Structure formats: structure tokens, C-alpha cells
Amino acid sequence: MARSRVEKRPQVLRDLVAIAVYLADQSGTDDLAFRFLESAEANFERLATMPNLGVSRDYRDPRLHGVRMWRIAGFEDYLIFYRPTDSGVEIIRVIHGKRDIEHLIRRRD
């Protein structure tokens, strides 16, 4: 059986680093940042094997058709935006839920 694939847009890596740095600064330790990164990766893998787990989102921009959302376990304020693919999922962004999500997702990498 083929392994489900997780593809990440370049912005996802920038998102993950920025969030991890913020969490480390806020907590005064790297432990929280590492837990966040581990949870994010575990959630990416879970979504790759079950891509319809997330909530389907509707956006005005037709380029965002098919984008789904999933909360990161243990860090529910942080949302994964992704699109199912034939071989798994494409992770588009990881964003705090209070941000202007549609604007951030529309921006090009």
C-alpha cells in the first residue's frame, strides 16, 4: 500500500517557524515550541491518511475551492488549511484562528 503524502507549500515552513519562536518566547522554554511542531507534523500525517477529516470551507476566491481546515491537537487556536490531493494532502498554511484567514491564504508563497 502506498504511503499517503504530505506536501507543504513554502509558506507553511515559515508559518511553523514563526509560531514555534513565538511559543518559545511566550513560555520561556523550547519545550512548548517542540510540542507544537510535533503535534503539527502528526496532524499533517493524520490528514494525509484521512483527508476529509477537516471542515470544508467556503471562500469568495475561487482559487481556494476545496480548502479544508483542521485544528492542531493541543494547540486548538492554530489551524491547518489544506487541500486533499490524489496522493494525500497539500498543506497551504498554518495560521492562528484570530488572523485574517482568507487574506493570508490568498497571498502567494
Foldseek 3Di string as FASTA:
>chain_A
DDQFDEAEDPVAVVQLVVVQVVVCVVVVHSVVSVVQVVQVVVVQSVCQVVVVPFAQDDDPDPVLHQWGWDARVPRRQWIWIWHADPRGIYTQYIGGNVDPVVVVSPDDD
